[in-house]
Amino acid sequence: MKSFRNILFVSHGVLDEADALRQALRLVHRNDAKLTALVVCPTYPSALAQYRGKFFEFMKQELARTIETARLSVMPDRNDLAVSIHVVCESTPVVHLIQRVIRDEHELVIKEADSGTNQEGFRAFDMELLRKCPCPVWLCRPNSKSPHETRVGVAIDPDSSEPAGRDLSIRLLTLARSLADSCSGELSVISCWDFEFEEYLRRSAWTSVPAETVRAVVAGAHREQRRMLNTLLDTAGMTRHHRVHLERGQPDAVIPKLVEQLDIDILVMATVARTGIPSFFIGHTAENILGHIHCSLLALKPAGFISPVKVS
């Protein structure tokens, strides 16, 4: 996978985070990367102030033991692994986390997804991280498959008139290709298209456009979407081991359906409503997609994204 060299692993200290930790250690092993671990907790109770030091030390020791167990399963020959572990307890842990990302120039954040009991969608902490973190965020869900069986998908929108949108699609494809090569090797490229004006042409009393003409226009829109998608694939150097799934419909309906049908384990996508501005907004479409996927998510930002979180 892409050579991320400065990785931040985020833990809540109370969940089974073994899968996310193993993913982080695999990247560390492949890229000879630096790994930092951050335990984020709610505000520490003032009534227990005398135990604060022991609590922080306990959380560090517990995570260190978990890291060592994961290391033995992922990289048993790497006895020199040094992980800096930090603990933060405050009312706005996401803000502290993002400030650390900015200050220490982390290139990737990996954490276990805070999923609900039905393992669908992402909870408030993760959504805020997706909105505001300046670097890619990998939210992991438990995966019983081996790495070589893990299926990777990438969702892209080739119909972008902005250079920033096209560049982001190419980055998504490139990263997904690299990730797939470290997993099963197969990559599913997921996209969708629509021609929303068709219903107006077929139903409006003011028009007498023949049905054959409507069908031809719709077919032309489909061909144009396919052409733009192929252009993106060529530009990204996608020449092998991928399958393209271009389906008609709205993204928030098509993408979750295809992710489930294709049994995707990791989805690479952008959660951007607008590009070309120095802030990051998750639009309704992306919100709906994120609320209905069951797999792990690797989310990217557009180039030049500036987090609304400021480092004091």
Protein backbone atom coordinates (compact mmCIF):
# COMPACT_ATOMS: atom_id res chain seq x y z
CA MET A 1 0.00 0.00 0.00
CA LYS A 2 1.01 3.64 -0.44
CA SER A 3 4.04 4.49 1.68
CA PHE A 4 2.49 6.13 4.71
CA ARG A 5 5.48 6.76 6.97
CA ASN A 6 3.98 8.51 9.99
CA ILE A 7 0.89 6.67 11.28
CA LEU A 8 -1.33 7.46 14.25
CA PHE A 9 -3.29 4.60 15.82
CA VAL A 10 -6.26 5.82 17.89
CA SER A 11 -7.73 3.74 20.71
CA HIS A 12 -10.60 4.23 23.16
CA GLY A 13 -8.96 1.77 25.53
CA VAL A 14 -12.16 -0.20 26.16
CA LEU A 15 -12.93 -1.89 22.81
CA ASP A 16 -11.56 -4.92 20.98
CA GLU A 17 -9.32 -3.04 18.56
CA ALA A 18 -7.13 -5.94 17.43
CA ASP A 19 -8.10 -5.74 13.74
CA ALA A 20 -7.33 -2.04 13.44
CA LEU A 21 -4.06 -2.49 15.29
CA ARG A 22 -2.98 -5.34 13.02
CA GLN A 23 -3.73 -3.18 9.96
CA ALA A 24 -1.56 -0.43 11.42
CA LEU A 25 1.28 -2.84 12.16
CA ARG A 26 1.14 -4.33 8.65
CA LEU A 27 1.65 -0.85 7.23
CA VAL A 28 4.46 -0.19 9.69
CA HIS A 29 6.12 -3.44 8.60
CA ARG A 30 5.75 -2.81 4.84
CA ASN A 31 6.75 0.85 4.91
CA ASP A 32 9.23 0.83 7.79
CA ALA A 33 6.96 3.51 9.23
CA LYS A 34 6.75 5.28 12.55
CA LEU A 35 3.75 4.37 14.71
CA THR A 36 2.29 6.54 17.46
CA ALA A 37 -0.65 5.43 19.60
CA LEU A 38 -3.17 7.75 21.23
CA VAL A 39 -5.72 6.62 23.82
CA VAL A 40 -8.67 9.04 23.92
CA CYS A 41 -10.98 9.01 26.95
CA PRO A 42 -13.78 11.20 28.34
CA THR A 43 -12.95 13.93 30.83
CA TYR A 44 -11.30 12.43 33.88
CA PRO A 45 -13.51 12.78 37.00
CA SER A 46 -12.19 15.40 39.41
CA ALA A 47 -13.43 13.28 42.33
CA LEU A 48 -10.80 10.67 41.38
CA ALA A 49 -7.92 13.11 40.97
CA GLN A 50 -5.64 11.15 43.31
CA TYR A 51 -5.79 8.13 40.96
CA ARG A 52 -5.15 10.07 37.76
CA GLY A 53 -1.49 9.13 37.41
CA LYS A 54 -2.18 5.43 38.03
CA PHE A 55 -5.04 5.48 35.54
CA PHE A 56 -2.90 7.00 32.78
CA GLU A 57 -0.10 4.51 33.46
CA PHE A 58 -2.54 1.60 33.43
CA MET A 59 -4.02 2.65 30.07
CA LYS A 60 -0.53 2.92 28.56
CA GLN A 61 0.50 -0.48 29.88
CA GLU A 62 -2.68 -2.15 28.62
CA LEU A 63 -2.25 -0.75 25.13
CA ALA A 64 1.45 -1.66 25.13
CA ARG A 65 0.53 -5.27 25.92
CA THR A 66 -2.08 -5.29 23.16
CA ILE A 67 0.44 -3.88 20.69
CA GLU A 68 2.98 -6.52 21.64
CA THR A 69 0.44 -9.32 21.13
CA ALA A 70 -0.47 -7.92 17.71
CA ARG A 71 3.19 -7.51 16.80
CA LEU A 72 3.89 -11.17 17.49
CA SER A 73 1.13 -12.17 15.05
CA VAL A 74 1.98 -9.64 12.30
CA MET A 75 5.72 -9.03 12.49
CA PRO A 76 7.30 -11.56 14.90
CA ASP A 77 10.83 -10.78 13.69
CA ARG A 78 10.55 -7.08 14.46
CA ASN A 79 11.80 -6.97 18.05
CA ASP A 80 12.89 -3.34 17.80
CA LEU A 81 9.40 -1.88 17.33
CA ALA A 82 9.07 1.30 19.37
CA VAL A 83 5.62 2.84 19.75
CA SER A 84 5.10 6.12 21.56
CA ILE A 85 1.84 5.87 23.57
CA HIS A 86 -0.12 8.88 24.80
CA VAL A 87 -3.33 9.19 26.81
CA VAL A 88 -5.71 12.15 26.69
CA CYS A 89 -8.82 12.66 28.81
CA GLU A 90 -10.93 15.69 27.93
CA SER A 91 -14.34 16.85 26.75
CA THR A 92 -13.27 17.37 23.12
CA PRO A 93 -10.96 14.43 22.35
CA VAL A 94 -11.46 14.68 18.56
CA VAL A 95 -10.15 18.25 18.60
CA HIS A 96 -7.08 17.18 20.56
CA LEU A 97 -6.56 14.25 18.17
CA ILE A 98 -6.74 16.45 15.07
CA GLN A 99 -4.44 19.04 16.62
CA ARG A 100 -1.93 16.26 17.21
CA VAL A 101 -2.30 15.10 13.59
CA ILE A 102 -1.56 18.62 12.35
CA ARG A 103 1.26 19.33 14.79
CA ASP A 104 3.05 15.99 14.32
CA GLU A 105 2.30 15.76 10.56
CA HIS A 106 0.69 12.34 10.69
CA GLU A 107 -0.08 10.94 7.25
CA LEU A 108 -2.74 8.41 8.24
CA VAL A 109 -5.10 7.83 11.17
CA ILE A 110 -6.22 4.26 11.89
CA LYS A 111 -8.84 3.33 14.46
CA GLU A 112 -11.55 0.78 15.11
CA ALA A 113 -14.92 2.08 13.95
CA ASP A 114 -17.32 3.08 16.72
CA SER A 115 -20.14 1.06 15.22
CA GLY A 116 -23.55 0.48 16.71
CA THR A 117 -24.83 -2.95 17.54
CA ASN A 118 -25.91 -3.57 13.94
CA GLN A 119 -22.42 -2.71 12.60
CA GLU A 120 -23.94 -0.18 10.18
CA GLY A 121 -22.92 3.42 9.78
CA PHE A 122 -20.51 5.41 11.93
CA ARG A 123 -21.08 7.14 15.24
CA ALA A 124 -20.47 10.75 16.25
CA PHE A 125 -16.76 10.52 17.11
CA ASP A 126 -15.89 8.91 13.79
CA MET A 127 -18.08 11.28 11.77
CA GLU A 128 -16.39 14.30 13.32
CA LEU A 129 -13.03 12.75 12.53
CA LEU A 130 -14.11 12.21 8.92
CA ARG A 131 -15.28 15.82 8.65
CA LYS A 132 -12.26 17.54 10.14
CA CYS A 133 -9.13 15.38 10.06
CA PRO A 134 -6.72 16.67 7.39
CA CYS A 135 -5.12 13.30 6.59
CA PRO A 136 -6.69 10.04 5.36
CA VAL A 137 -8.73 8.18 7.97
CA TRP A 138 -9.03 4.39 8.06
CA LEU A 139 -11.97 3.19 10.16
CA CYS A 140 -11.68 -0.57 10.61
CA ARG A 141 -14.37 -3.11 11.29
CA PRO A 142 -13.73 -6.69 12.42
CA ASN A 143 -12.85 -8.91 9.48
CA SER A 144 -12.68 -12.69 9.79
CA LYS A 145 -11.00 -13.05 6.39
CA SER A 146 -7.28 -13.35 5.91
CA PRO A 147 -5.53 -10.36 4.31
CA HIS A 148 -5.24 -12.29 1.02
CA GLU A 149 -9.01 -12.84 0.98
CA THR A 150 -9.95 -9.26 1.84
CA ARG A 151 -11.84 -7.48 -0.92
CA VAL A 152 -11.25 -3.81 -1.69
CA GLY A 153 -13.63 -1.44 -3.46
CA VAL A 154 -13.30 2.19 -4.48
CA ALA A 155 -16.19 4.58 -5.14
CA ILE A 156 -15.51 7.40 -7.57
CA ASP A 157 -17.44 10.08 -9.43
CA PRO A 158 -15.85 10.65 -12.86
CA ASP A 159 -18.28 13.46 -13.70
CA SER A 160 -16.40 16.37 -12.18
CA SER A 161 -15.79 19.65 -13.96
CA GLU A 162 -13.25 20.77 -11.33
CA PRO A 163 -9.57 19.75 -11.53
CA ALA A 164 -9.64 19.13 -7.76
CA GLY A 165 -12.40 16.57 -8.23
CA ARG A 166 -10.56 14.75 -11.00
CA ASP A 167 -7.32 14.76 -9.02
CA LEU A 168 -9.13 13.34 -6.00
CA SER A 169 -10.61 10.51 -8.10
CA ILE A 170 -7.15 9.61 -9.40
CA ARG A 171 -5.76 9.60 -5.85
CA LEU A 172 -8.63 7.35 -4.74
CA LEU A 173 -7.94 4.91 -7.58
CA THR A 174 -4.20 4.89 -6.97
CA LEU A 175 -4.54 4.30 -3.24
CA ALA A 176 -7.22 1.64 -3.71
CA ARG A 177 -5.05 -0.17 -6.28
CA SER A 178 -2.14 -0.21 -3.85
CA LEU A 179 -4.37 -1.41 -0.99
CA ALA A 180 -5.89 -4.16 -3.15
CA ASP A 181 -2.40 -5.36 -4.11
CA SER A 182 -1.69 -5.90 -0.41
CA CYS A 183 -4.97 -7.80 0.00
CA SER A 184 -6.72 -10.14 -2.46
CA GLY A 185 -5.32 -8.37 -5.52
CA GLU A 186 -8.77 -7.75 -6.99
CA LEU A 187 -10.22 -4.24 -7.00
CA SER A 188 -13.87 -3.32 -7.57
CA VAL A 189 -14.30 0.15 -9.10
CA ILE A 190 -17.79 1.37 -8.17
CA SER A 191 -19.51 4.25 -9.90
CA CYS A 192 -22.99 5.29 -10.93
CA TRP A 193 -24.75 7.54 -13.37
CA ASP A 194 -28.23 8.88 -14.04
CA PHE A 195 -30.19 11.03 -16.47
CA GLU A 196 -32.72 12.68 -14.22
CA PHE A 197 -34.35 14.68 -17.02
CA GLU A 198 -35.66 11.49 -18.62
CA GLU A 199 -38.86 11.50 -16.58
CA TYR A 200 -39.60 15.06 -17.66
CA LEU A 201 -39.15 14.12 -21.29
CA ARG A 202 -41.42 11.10 -21.00
CA ARG A 203 -44.18 12.69 -18.91
CA SER A 204 -44.33 16.36 -19.82
CA ALA A 205 -47.29 17.37 -21.94
CA TRP A 206 -45.36 20.25 -23.53
CA THR A 207 -42.91 18.00 -25.34
CA SER A 208 -43.38 15.63 -28.23
CA VAL A 209 -39.91 14.11 -28.18
CA PRO A 210 -40.22 10.60 -29.64
CA ALA A 211 -39.54 7.70 -27.30
CA GLU A 212 -36.73 6.49 -29.53
CA THR A 213 -35.03 9.88 -29.23
CA VAL A 214 -35.33 9.80 -25.44
CA ARG A 215 -33.79 6.33 -25.37
CA ALA A 216 -30.95 7.49 -27.60
CA VAL A 217 -30.24 10.50 -25.37
CA VAL A 218 -30.20 8.32 -22.27
CA ALA A 219 -27.92 5.79 -23.94
CA GLY A 220 -25.62 8.64 -24.95
CA ALA A 221 -25.44 9.84 -21.34
CA HIS A 222 -24.48 6.31 -20.29
CA ARG A 223 -21.74 6.11 -22.93
CA GLU A 224 -20.37 9.50 -21.89
CA GLN A 225 -20.20 8.43 -18.25
CA ARG A 226 -18.41 5.24 -19.28
CA ARG A 227 -15.97 7.27 -21.41
CA MET A 228 -15.14 9.63 -18.53
CA LEU A 229 -14.69 6.68 -16.19
CA ASN A 230 -12.34 4.93 -18.64
CA THR A 231 -10.35 8.15 -19.02
CA LEU A 232 -9.88 8.33 -15.27
CA LEU A 233 -8.83 4.68 -15.13
CA ASP A 234 -6.28 5.23 -17.90
CA THR A 235 -4.92 8.37 -16.23
CA ALA A 236 -4.53 6.51 -12.95
CA GLY A 237 -2.67 3.68 -14.71
CA MET A 238 -5.36 1.11 -13.92
CA THR A 239 -4.41 -1.63 -16.34
CA ARG A 240 -4.96 -4.88 -14.42
CA HIS A 241 -6.94 -6.86 -11.85
CA HIS A 242 -9.93 -4.59 -11.52
CA ARG A 243 -13.60 -4.84 -12.35
CA VAL A 244 -15.75 -1.84 -13.15
CA HIS A 245 -19.30 -1.66 -11.83
CA LEU A 246 -21.13 1.27 -13.40
CA GLU A 247 -24.78 1.18 -12.41
CA ARG A 248 -27.60 3.61 -12.99
CA GLY A 249 -29.03 5.33 -9.93
CA GLN A 250 -28.20 7.72 -7.12
CA PRO A 251 -24.90 7.18 -5.25
CA ASP A 252 -26.49 6.83 -1.81
CA ALA A 253 -28.58 3.94 -3.14
CA VAL A 254 -26.17 2.34 -5.59
CA ILE A 255 -22.93 2.36 -3.59
CA PRO A 256 -24.17 0.64 -0.38
CA LYS A 257 -26.01 -1.94 -2.51
CA LEU A 258 -22.94 -2.77 -4.58
CA VAL A 259 -20.70 -2.85 -1.51
CA GLU A 260 -22.97 -5.50 -0.02
CA GLN A 261 -23.45 -7.47 -3.26
CA LEU A 262 -19.71 -7.56 -3.98
CA ASP A 263 -18.90 -8.45 -0.37
CA ILE A 264 -16.50 -5.52 -0.07
CA ASP A 265 -14.44 -5.52 3.13
CA ILE A 266 -12.72 -2.14 2.72
CA LEU A 267 -14.26 0.76 0.80
CA VAL A 268 -12.05 3.63 -0.35
CA MET A 269 -13.98 6.83 -0.99
CA ALA A 270 -14.05 10.57 -0.59
CA THR A 271 -16.60 12.12 1.73
CA VAL A 272 -16.53 15.52 0.06
CA ALA A 273 -19.53 17.63 -0.85
CA ARG A 274 -17.50 20.41 -2.43
CA THR A 275 -13.91 20.83 -3.57
CA GLY A 276 -11.79 23.85 -4.26
CA ILE A 277 -12.46 25.45 -0.86
CA PRO A 278 -10.32 25.31 2.29
CA SER A 279 -12.87 23.46 4.38
CA PHE A 280 -14.34 19.97 4.35
CA PHE A 281 -18.05 19.35 4.18
CA ILE A 282 -19.82 16.02 4.20
CA GLY A 283 -22.88 16.37 2.02
CA HIS A 284 -26.20 14.58 2.34
CA THR A 285 -25.23 11.98 -0.26
CA ALA A 286 -22.02 11.01 1.53
CA GLU A 287 -23.81 11.03 4.89
CA ASN A 288 -26.38 8.60 3.51
CA ILE A 289 -23.70 6.33 2.06
CA LEU A 290 -21.75 6.26 5.31
CA GLY A 291 -24.92 5.51 7.22
CA HIS A 292 -25.59 2.33 5.24
CA ILE A 293 -22.26 0.59 4.77
CA HIS A 294 -21.13 -2.30 6.94
CA CYS A 295 -17.50 -2.50 5.85
CA SER A 296 -14.29 -0.73 6.83
CA LEU A 297 -13.74 2.71 5.33
CA LEU A 298 -10.62 4.47 4.07
CA ALA A 299 -11.58 8.11 3.49
CA LEU A 300 -9.55 10.72 1.63
CA LYS A 301 -9.66 14.50 1.49
CA PRO A 302 -9.11 16.73 -1.55
CA ALA A 303 -5.65 18.17 -2.05
CA GLY A 304 -5.25 21.45 -0.24
CA PHE A 305 -7.85 20.65 2.40
CA ILE A 306 -7.43 22.78 5.52
CA SER A 307 -8.96 21.51 8.73
CA PRO A 308 -11.28 23.88 10.61
CA VAL A 309 -9.49 22.74 13.78
CA LYS A 310 -6.74 25.16 14.70
CA VAL A 311 -3.54 24.38 16.59
CA SER A 312 -3.09 26.80 19.46
